[in-house]
Every structure is written in structure tokens, then in C-alpha cells.
């Protein structure tokens, strides 16, 4: 790998030339999106920038508990915000979710263009917070399909955050010491229906409350993600 030459995409090249105003011979760091960081030297400045890899900077293993966030579609740019912040918080996989109370049509939130837009948000957030691995973005999935997509297995925790749950909260031992993977499910602005909660419970999900405070949908997601990351010792 050391000494290899790499050609950067046009968007990154443009940022290096126009915004950072770097020149041939300047040092940069490159993220491969899989967890590795490399130091490199710019060799060619042009429409695309070329660089020579000097060495790998990081070599530590990632021993965190994988965390998946399944989010009911939010209005406007709230979804963008949640995707950006989940990337910063170290979420491994993000699944946009279509529920009975989502507004609009699922076709408006489905497709390659929408997915590519979300992936650009992830990439930008990774660069800003120096995260070397990309959060994996998935296509929008229907609620009924999603809740059955993760069969029960040892060490798997499936939590559905539901405002009508009156007994179980994160103060309770819903996350065991031997947790191997955690999946969080959160609804859109209108929340999740009783029928959806029952369907999830029948598929092995634990409904959980975030307490008595009334939180906006995006705030609830970021709160749940932060607390669970702390509880599984990822933070």
C-alpha cells in the first residue's frame, strides 16, 4: 500500500484545489471508508488530484458493539440531520423506514438518487468528525418487512422506542451484559401505532419508553442513540 498512487474523485479534487488551495507536495490524509486512515502527498493537481500514499496512520481494531438505527421517515431536512448525527455518533447501519404515519408517498423517499444523497451526507459527516468507516445506508423499507428482517439470536437486542410504552424504559435491564448487536427502531413525527407495536412485539422487539419528556422525533432518535451507545460502552 505504501507508495501506491491514488486518484481522488472530482468532488474531492475540487475541494482540495478551490477550498483548501493545496499544491503538489502538500500532505493530506485519506479515509478509505472501511476504517483505515492513510497519510499521503499530493503529486498532481488538476481536474482530478493524484496523491502518493506514505503510510497507514491508524491500525487499531474496532471492538465496539454494532448499532443499527431504523428510522421512520421525517419531514423536510430532519431526516438529513438524523443521518448526519447518527454518523457522528458511530451508528454502523441506518435503515430508513416507512410506517403508517409517515407523510407523503414512499416513492418520494425511495430510489437510487435519494440513497446517493443520503450517502453524501454520511461521507461529509465522516470527514467532519474524522470517522474512518462509513455508516452503511440502506434503501427505505416497509415497517412490516423491517420488523421481521432480524430474527432473534443470542446477544441481539431489538428495541422499539414507543411513546405509549408506560412501564419499560432504558432504566430497566433491557440491554444484557453479553450484548453483541443492538437495533433501535423509532417512528416518524406521528409516532408508531398500536398495531405496529403489536406487530413488532410479535417479532421479538422490546418496546421501550424514553421517559415523560415530550421530544421531537429527531431529538428522540439522537437521545436514544446516544444513551444506548453509552450503555453498550461504545461511548
C-alpha atoms as a PDB file:
ATOM      1  CA  UNK A   1       0.000   0.000   0.000  1.00  0.00           C
ATOM      2  CA  UNK A   2       2.840   2.415   0.857  1.00  0.00           C
ATOM      3  CA  UNK A   3       3.965   4.222  -2.270  1.00  0.00           C
ATOM      4  CA  UNK A   4       0.725   3.495  -4.161  1.00  0.00           C
ATOM      5  CA  UNK A   5      -0.733   6.297  -6.233  1.00  0.00           C
ATOM      6  CA  UNK A   6      -4.421   7.153  -5.898  1.00  0.00           C
ATOM      7  CA  UNK A   7      -6.654   9.427  -7.972  1.00  0.00           C
ATOM      8  CA  UNK A   8      -9.283  11.313  -5.997  1.00  0.00           C
ATOM      9  CA  UNK A   9     -12.870  11.862  -7.216  1.00  0.00           C
ATOM     10  CA  UNK A  10     -13.664  15.195  -8.874  1.00  0.00           C
ATOM     11  CA  UNK A  11     -15.669  16.480  -5.894  1.00  0.00           C
ATOM     12  CA  UNK A  12     -12.774  15.842  -3.506  1.00  0.00           C
ATOM     13  CA  UNK A  13     -10.272  17.198  -6.004  1.00  0.00           C
ATOM     14  CA  UNK A  14     -12.290  20.386  -6.400  1.00  0.00           C
ATOM     15  CA  UNK A  15     -12.403  20.848  -2.630  1.00  0.00           C
ATOM     16  CA  UNK A  16      -8.630  20.405  -2.367  1.00  0.00           C
ATOM     17  CA  UNK A  17      -7.917  22.869  -5.165  1.00  0.00           C
ATOM     18  CA  UNK A  18     -10.641  25.509  -4.724  1.00  0.00           C
ATOM     19  CA  UNK A  19     -11.375  25.480  -0.982  1.00  0.00           C
ATOM     20  CA  UNK A  20      -8.160  24.277   0.640  1.00  0.00           C
ATOM     21  CA  UNK A  21      -5.868  25.690  -2.103  1.00  0.00           C
ATOM     22  CA  UNK A  22      -3.363  22.893  -1.654  1.00  0.00           C
ATOM     23  CA  UNK A  23      -0.456  22.336  -4.023  1.00  0.00           C
ATOM     24  CA  UNK A  24       1.680  19.441  -5.220  1.00  0.00           C
ATOM     25  CA  UNK A  25       3.924  18.372  -2.367  1.00  0.00           C
ATOM     26  CA  UNK A  26       1.377  19.168   0.365  1.00  0.00           C
ATOM     27  CA  UNK A  27       0.454  16.444   2.859  1.00  0.00           C
ATOM     28  CA  UNK A  28      -3.121  15.156   3.188  1.00  0.00           C
ATOM     29  CA  UNK A  29      -4.887  12.315   4.962  1.00  0.00           C
ATOM     30  CA  UNK A  30      -7.162   9.875   3.143  1.00  0.00           C
ATOM     31  CA  UNK A  31     -10.006   7.788   4.561  1.00  0.00           C
ATOM     32  CA  UNK A  32     -10.901   4.569   2.743  1.00  0.00           C
ATOM     33  CA  UNK A  33     -14.394   4.372   4.250  1.00  0.00           C
ATOM     34  CA  UNK A  34     -13.611   0.960   5.773  1.00  0.00           C
ATOM     35  CA  UNK A  35     -11.815   2.119   8.903  1.00  0.00           C
ATOM     36  CA  UNK A  36      -8.312   2.927   7.656  1.00  0.00           C
ATOM     37  CA  UNK A  37      -6.585   6.321   7.515  1.00  0.00           C
ATOM     38  CA  UNK A  38      -3.546   6.975   5.309  1.00  0.00           C
ATOM     39  CA  UNK A  39      -1.109   9.857   5.127  1.00  0.00           C
ATOM     40  CA  UNK A  40      -0.344  10.906   1.547  1.00  0.00           C
ATOM     41  CA  UNK A  41       1.484  13.515  -0.508  1.00  0.00           C
ATOM     42  CA  UNK A  42      -0.196  15.339  -3.397  1.00  0.00           C
ATOM     43  CA  UNK A  43       1.679  14.607  -6.620  1.00  0.00           C
ATOM     44  CA  UNK A  44      -0.560  16.084  -9.341  1.00  0.00           C
ATOM     45  CA  UNK A  45      -3.019  18.989  -9.184  1.00  0.00           C
ATOM     46  CA  UNK A  46      -5.618  19.129 -11.937  1.00  0.00           C
ATOM     47  CA  UNK A  47      -9.244  18.353 -12.700  1.00  0.00           C
ATOM     48  CA  UNK A  48      -8.584  15.332 -10.518  1.00  0.00           C
ATOM     49  CA  UNK A  49      -5.913  15.274  -7.831  1.00  0.00           C
ATOM     50  CA  UNK A  50      -3.426  12.430  -7.565  1.00  0.00           C
ATOM     51  CA  UNK A  51      -1.556  11.544  -4.386  1.00  0.00           C
ATOM     52  CA  UNK A  52       1.078   9.050  -3.237  1.00  0.00           C
ATOM     53  CA  UNK A  53       0.328   7.083  -0.075  1.00  0.00           C
ATOM     54  CA  UNK A  54       3.085   7.361   2.516  1.00  0.00           C
ATOM     55  CA  UNK A  55       1.809   5.127   5.307  1.00  0.00           C
ATOM     56  CA  UNK A  56      -1.243   3.896   7.155  1.00  0.00           C
ATOM     57  CA  UNK A  57      -1.874   6.143  10.144  1.00  0.00           C
ATOM     58  CA  UNK A  58      -4.241   4.034  12.233  1.00  0.00           C
ATOM     59  CA  UNK A  59      -4.075   0.333  12.908  1.00  0.00           C
ATOM     60  CA  UNK A  60      -6.281  -0.219  15.962  1.00  0.00           C
ATOM     61  CA  UNK A  61      -9.070  -2.802  15.818  1.00  0.00           C
ATOM     62  CA  UNK A  62     -12.692  -1.709  16.130  1.00  0.00           C
ATOM     63  CA  UNK A  63     -14.179  -3.671  19.038  1.00  0.00           C
ATOM     64  CA  UNK A  64     -17.392  -1.698  19.502  1.00  0.00           C
ATOM     65  CA  UNK A  65     -20.865  -3.252  19.632  1.00  0.00           C
ATOM     66  CA  UNK A  66     -22.574  -2.848  16.217  1.00  0.00           C
ATOM     67  CA  UNK A  67     -25.547  -0.472  16.377  1.00  0.00           C
ATOM     68  CA  UNK A  68     -28.328  -0.239  13.780  1.00  0.00           C
ATOM     69  CA  UNK A  69     -30.861   2.608  13.683  1.00  0.00           C
ATOM     70  CA  UNK A  70     -34.180   2.080  11.873  1.00  0.00           C
ATOM     71  CA  UNK A  71     -35.832   5.469  11.452  1.00  0.00           C
ATOM     72  CA  UNK A  72     -39.340   6.293  10.255  1.00  0.00           C
ATOM     73  CA  UNK A  73     -39.109   8.954   7.542  1.00  0.00           C
ATOM     74  CA  UNK A  74     -39.132  12.528   8.848  1.00  0.00           C
ATOM     75  CA  UNK A  75     -40.297  15.678   7.103  1.00  0.00           C
ATOM     76  CA  UNK A  76     -38.055  18.179   5.365  1.00  0.00           C
ATOM     77  CA  UNK A  77     -34.404  18.154   6.325  1.00  0.00           C
ATOM     78  CA  UNK A  78     -34.955  16.446   9.663  1.00  0.00           C
ATOM     79  CA  UNK A  79     -34.002  13.122   8.081  1.00  0.00           C
ATOM     80  CA  UNK A  80     -30.763  14.674   6.813  1.00  0.00           C
ATOM     81  CA  UNK A  81     -29.996  15.883  10.339  1.00  0.00           C
ATOM     82  CA  UNK A  82     -30.622  12.484  11.906  1.00  0.00           C
ATOM     83  CA  UNK A  83     -28.441  10.727   9.321  1.00  0.00           C
ATOM     84  CA  UNK A  84     -25.642  13.240   9.867  1.00  0.00           C
ATOM     85  CA  UNK A  85     -25.744  12.957  13.657  1.00  0.00           C
ATOM     86  CA  UNK A  86     -26.079   9.167  13.676  1.00  0.00           C
ATOM     87  CA  UNK A  87     -22.908   9.059  11.589  1.00  0.00           C
ATOM     88  CA  UNK A  88     -21.160  11.248  14.160  1.00  0.00           C
ATOM     89  CA  UNK A  89     -22.460   9.049  16.997  1.00  0.00           C
ATOM     90  CA  UNK A  90     -20.903   5.928  15.476  1.00  0.00           C
ATOM     91  CA  UNK A  91     -24.021   4.129  14.205  1.00  0.00           C
ATOM     92  CA  UNK A  92     -22.961   1.262  11.926  1.00  0.00           C
ATOM     93  CA  UNK A  93     -26.076   0.906   9.790  1.00  0.00           C
ATOM     94  CA  UNK A  94     -29.029   3.217   9.103  1.00  0.00           C
ATOM     95  CA  UNK A  95     -32.309   1.939   7.660  1.00  0.00           C
ATOM     96  CA  UNK A  96     -34.962   4.475   6.551  1.00  0.00           C
ATOM     97  CA  UNK A  97     -38.373   3.115   7.470  1.00  0.00           C
ATOM     98  CA  UNK A  98     -41.849   3.624   6.019  1.00  0.00           C
ATOM     99  CA  UNK A  99     -44.601   3.435   8.633  1.00  0.00           C
ATOM    100  CA  UNK A 100     -48.340   4.047   8.678  1.00  0.00           C
ATOM    101  CA  UNK A 101     -47.885   7.632   9.937  1.00  0.00           C
ATOM    102  CA  UNK A 102     -45.164   8.737   7.527  1.00  0.00           C
ATOM    103  CA  UNK A 103     -46.291  11.677   5.396  1.00  0.00           C
ATOM    104  CA  UNK A 104     -46.276  11.693   1.601  1.00  0.00           C
ATOM    105  CA  UNK A 105     -45.629   8.651  -0.565  1.00  0.00           C
ATOM    106  CA  UNK A 106     -42.967   6.009  -0.165  1.00  0.00           C
ATOM    107  CA  UNK A 107     -41.944   6.529  -3.804  1.00  0.00           C
ATOM    108  CA  UNK A 108     -40.762  10.038  -2.869  1.00  0.00           C
ATOM    109  CA  UNK A 109     -38.206   8.556  -0.461  1.00  0.00           C
ATOM    110  CA  UNK A 110     -37.150   5.509  -2.435  1.00  0.00           C
ATOM    111  CA  UNK A 111     -34.651   5.082  -5.227  1.00  0.00           C
ATOM    112  CA  UNK A 112     -31.006   5.456  -6.139  1.00  0.00           C
ATOM    113  CA  UNK A 113     -30.959   9.269  -6.192  1.00  0.00           C
ATOM    114  CA  UNK A 114     -32.303   9.532  -2.652  1.00  0.00           C
ATOM    115  CA  UNK A 115     -29.879   6.862  -1.445  1.00  0.00           C
ATOM    116  CA  UNK A 116     -26.930   8.614  -3.090  1.00  0.00           C
ATOM    117  CA  UNK A 117     -27.944  11.877  -1.436  1.00  0.00           C
ATOM    118  CA  UNK A 118     -28.004  10.218   1.972  1.00  0.00           C
ATOM    119  CA  UNK A 119     -24.627   8.619   1.275  1.00  0.00           C
ATOM    120  CA  UNK A 120     -23.151  12.039   0.505  1.00  0.00           C
ATOM    121  CA  UNK A 121     -24.395  13.260   3.894  1.00  0.00           C
ATOM    122  CA  UNK A 122     -22.693  10.281   5.537  1.00  0.00           C
ATOM    123  CA  UNK A 123     -19.425  10.918   3.695  1.00  0.00           C
ATOM    124  CA  UNK A 124     -19.446  14.599   4.616  1.00  0.00           C
ATOM    125  CA  UNK A 125     -20.140  13.817   8.271  1.00  0.00           C
ATOM    126  CA  UNK A 126     -17.342  11.236   8.345  1.00  0.00           C
ATOM    127  CA  UNK A 127     -14.853  13.802   7.059  1.00  0.00           C
ATOM    128  CA  UNK A 128     -16.011  16.457   9.528  1.00  0.00           C
ATOM    129  CA  UNK A 129     -15.790  14.182  12.576  1.00  0.00           C
ATOM    130  CA  UNK A 130     -12.771  12.206  11.349  1.00  0.00           C
ATOM    131  CA  UNK A 131     -14.640   8.903  11.244  1.00  0.00           C
ATOM    132  CA  UNK A 132     -12.703   6.460   9.026  1.00  0.00           C
ATOM    133  CA  UNK A 133     -15.533   3.989   8.369  1.00  0.00           C
ATOM    134  CA  UNK A 134     -18.747   4.898   6.584  1.00  0.00           C
ATOM    135  CA  UNK A 135     -22.133   4.336   8.184  1.00  0.00           C
ATOM    136  CA  UNK A 136     -23.928   1.875   5.925  1.00  0.00           C
ATOM    137  CA  UNK A 137     -27.051   3.403   4.350  1.00  0.00           C
ATOM    138  CA  UNK A 138     -29.914   1.169   3.234  1.00  0.00           C
ATOM    139  CA  UNK A 139     -32.906   1.670   0.962  1.00  0.00           C
ATOM    140  CA  UNK A 140     -36.252   2.587   2.520  1.00  0.00           C
ATOM    141  CA  UNK A 141     -38.105  -0.474   3.789  1.00  0.00           C
ATOM    142  CA  UNK A 142     -41.723  -1.076   4.828  1.00  0.00           C
ATOM    143  CA  UNK A 143     -42.346  -1.437   8.581  1.00  0.00           C
ATOM    144  CA  UNK A 144     -43.848  -4.913   8.342  1.00  0.00           C
ATOM    145  CA  UNK A 145     -40.851  -6.158   6.382  1.00  0.00           C
ATOM    146  CA  UNK A 146     -38.334  -4.491   8.672  1.00  0.00           C
ATOM    147  CA  UNK A 147     -39.559  -5.954  11.959  1.00  0.00           C
ATOM    148  CA  UNK A 148     -39.250  -9.468  10.545  1.00  0.00           C
ATOM    149  CA  UNK A 149     -35.821  -8.874   8.989  1.00  0.00           C
ATOM    150  CA  UNK A 150     -33.865  -9.513  12.196  1.00  0.00           C
ATOM    151  CA  UNK A 151     -34.617 -12.971  13.620  1.00  0.00           C
ATOM    152  CA  UNK A 152     -33.832 -13.451  17.293  1.00  0.00           C
ATOM    153  CA  UNK A 153     -30.314 -14.657  18.035  1.00  0.00           C
ATOM    154  CA  UNK A 154     -28.023 -14.806  21.116  1.00  0.00           C
ATOM    155  CA  UNK A 155     -26.708 -11.350  22.005  1.00  0.00           C
ATOM    156  CA  UNK A 156     -29.092  -9.478  19.680  1.00  0.00           C
ATOM    157  CA  UNK A 157     -31.112  -6.661  21.289  1.00  0.00           C
ATOM    158  CA  UNK A 158     -34.099  -5.193  19.404  1.00  0.00           C
ATOM    159  CA  UNK A 159     -35.584  -2.054  20.955  1.00  0.00           C
ATOM    160  CA  UNK A 160     -38.613  -0.202  19.599  1.00  0.00           C
ATOM    161  CA  UNK A 161     -38.927   3.253  21.183  1.00  0.00           C
ATOM    162  CA  UNK A 162     -42.629   3.913  21.584  1.00  0.00           C
ATOM    163  CA  UNK A 163     -44.253   6.871  23.311  1.00  0.00           C
ATOM    164  CA  UNK A 164     -47.146   4.724  24.560  1.00  0.00           C
ATOM    165  CA  UNK A 165     -44.914   2.302  26.441  1.00  0.00           C
ATOM    166  CA  UNK A 166     -45.739   3.021  30.094  1.00  0.00           C
ATOM    167  CA  UNK A 167     -43.633   0.527  32.020  1.00  0.00           C
ATOM    168  CA  UNK A 168     -40.284  -0.301  30.390  1.00  0.00           C
ATOM    169  CA  UNK A 169     -37.531   2.286  29.939  1.00  0.00           C
ATOM    170  CA  UNK A 170     -33.765   2.331  29.494  1.00  0.00           C
ATOM    171  CA  UNK A 171     -33.509   2.392  33.297  1.00  0.00           C
ATOM    172  CA  UNK A 172     -34.594  -1.255  33.151  1.00  0.00           C
ATOM    173  CA  UNK A 173     -32.159  -4.062  32.224  1.00  0.00           C
ATOM    174  CA  UNK A 174     -33.215  -4.217  28.562  1.00  0.00           C
ATOM    175  CA  UNK A 175     -29.590  -4.487  27.404  1.00  0.00           C
ATOM    176  CA  UNK A 176     -27.774  -7.561  28.759  1.00  0.00           C
ATOM    177  CA  UNK A 177     -24.069  -7.633  29.602  1.00  0.00           C
ATOM    178  CA  UNK A 178     -23.385 -10.090  26.771  1.00  0.00           C
ATOM    179  CA  UNK A 179     -24.976  -7.913  24.054  1.00  0.00           C
ATOM    180  CA  UNK A 180     -23.392  -8.479  20.645  1.00  0.00           C
ATOM    181  CA  UNK A 181     -25.556  -6.181  18.488  1.00  0.00           C
ATOM    182  CA  UNK A 182     -28.271  -3.591  19.149  1.00  0.00           C
ATOM    183  CA  UNK A 183     -31.034  -2.465  16.792  1.00  0.00           C
ATOM    184  CA  UNK A 184     -33.127   0.624  17.520  1.00  0.00           C
ATOM    185  CA  UNK A 185     -36.480   1.338  15.872  1.00  0.00           C
ATOM    186  CA  UNK A 186     -38.027   4.812  16.008  1.00  0.00           C
ATOM    187  CA  UNK A 187     -41.059   6.296  14.329  1.00  0.00           C
ATOM    188  CA  UNK A 188     -41.764   9.484  12.371  1.00  0.00           C
ATOM    189  CA  UNK A 189     -43.327  12.704  13.734  1.00  0.00           C
ATOM    190  CA  UNK A 190     -46.677  10.984  14.357  1.00  0.00           C
ATOM    191  CA  UNK A 191     -45.083   8.101  16.235  1.00  0.00           C
ATOM    192  CA  UNK A 192     -45.832   4.422  15.816  1.00  0.00           C
ATOM    193  CA  UNK A 193     -49.307   2.939  16.004  1.00  0.00           C
ATOM    194  CA  UNK A 194     -50.579   0.301  18.428  1.00  0.00           C
ATOM    195  CA  UNK A 195     -50.871  -2.142  15.521  1.00  0.00           C
ATOM    196  CA  UNK A 196     -47.229  -1.570  14.629  1.00  0.00           C
ATOM    197  CA  UNK A 197     -46.149  -2.006  18.240  1.00  0.00           C
ATOM    198  CA  UNK A 198     -48.033  -5.304  18.453  1.00  0.00           C
ATOM    199  CA  UNK A 199     -46.515  -6.500  15.186  1.00  0.00           C
ATOM    200  CA  UNK A 200     -43.034  -5.632  16.424  1.00  0.00           C
ATOM    201  CA  UNK A 201     -43.584  -7.357  19.767  1.00  0.00           C
ATOM    202  CA  UNK A 202     -44.769 -10.473  17.969  1.00  0.00           C
ATOM    203  CA  UNK A 203     -41.444 -10.440  16.082  1.00  0.00           C
ATOM    204  CA  UNK A 204     -39.366 -10.238  19.249  1.00  0.00           C
ATOM    205  CA  UNK A 205     -38.941  -6.480  19.690  1.00  0.00           C
ATOM    206  CA  UNK A 206     -38.982  -4.894  23.152  1.00  0.00           C
ATOM    207  CA  UNK A 207     -40.984  -1.677  23.344  1.00  0.00           C
ATOM    208  CA  UNK A 208     -39.200   0.995  25.405  1.00  0.00           C
ATOM    209  CA  UNK A 209     -40.045   4.481  26.661  1.00  0.00           C
ATOM    210  CA  UNK A 210     -37.712   7.471  26.705  1.00  0.00           C
ATOM    211  CA  UNK A 211     -39.472   8.853  29.764  1.00  0.00           C
ATOM    212  CA  UNK A 212     -42.042  11.554  30.449  1.00  0.00           C
ATOM    213  CA  UNK A 213     -40.484  14.358  28.393  1.00  0.00           C
ATOM    214  CA  UNK A 214     -42.124  15.143  25.068  1.00  0.00           C
ATOM    215  CA  UNK A 215     -39.379  15.036  22.444  1.00  0.00           C
ATOM    216  CA  UNK A 216     -39.435  15.911  18.775  1.00  0.00           C
ATOM    217  CA  UNK A 217     -38.916  12.864  16.566  1.00  0.00           C
ATOM    218  CA  UNK A 218     -35.354  13.799  15.607  1.00  0.00           C
ATOM    219  CA  UNK A 219     -34.477  14.586  19.239  1.00  0.00           C
ATOM    220  CA  UNK A 220     -35.860  11.232  20.379  1.00  0.00           C
ATOM    221  CA  UNK A 221     -33.709   9.361  17.861  1.00  0.00           C
ATOM    222  CA  UNK A 222     -30.499  11.135  18.810  1.00  0.00           C
ATOM    223  CA  UNK A 223     -31.274  10.762  22.518  1.00  0.00           C
ATOM    224  CA  UNK A 224     -31.966   7.033  22.204  1.00  0.00           C
ATOM    225  CA  UNK A 225     -28.867   6.504  20.080  1.00  0.00           C
ATOM    226  CA  UNK A 226     -26.621   8.397  22.495  1.00  0.00           C
ATOM    227  CA  UNK A 227     -27.934   6.603  25.590  1.00  0.00           C
ATOM    228  CA  UNK A 228     -27.697   3.141  24.016  1.00  0.00           C
ATOM    229  CA  UNK A 229     -24.173   3.843  22.745  1.00  0.00           C
ATOM    230  CA  UNK A 230     -23.261   4.706  26.336  1.00  0.00           C
ATOM    231  CA  UNK A 231     -24.967   1.629  27.784  1.00  0.00           C
ATOM    232  CA  UNK A 232     -23.189  -0.772  25.399  1.00  0.00           C
ATOM    233  CA  UNK A 233     -19.896   1.003  26.215  1.00  0.00           C
ATOM    234  CA  UNK A 234     -19.381   2.457  22.746  1.00  0.00           C
ATOM    235  CA  UNK A 235     -19.028   5.914  24.299  1.00  0.00           C
END
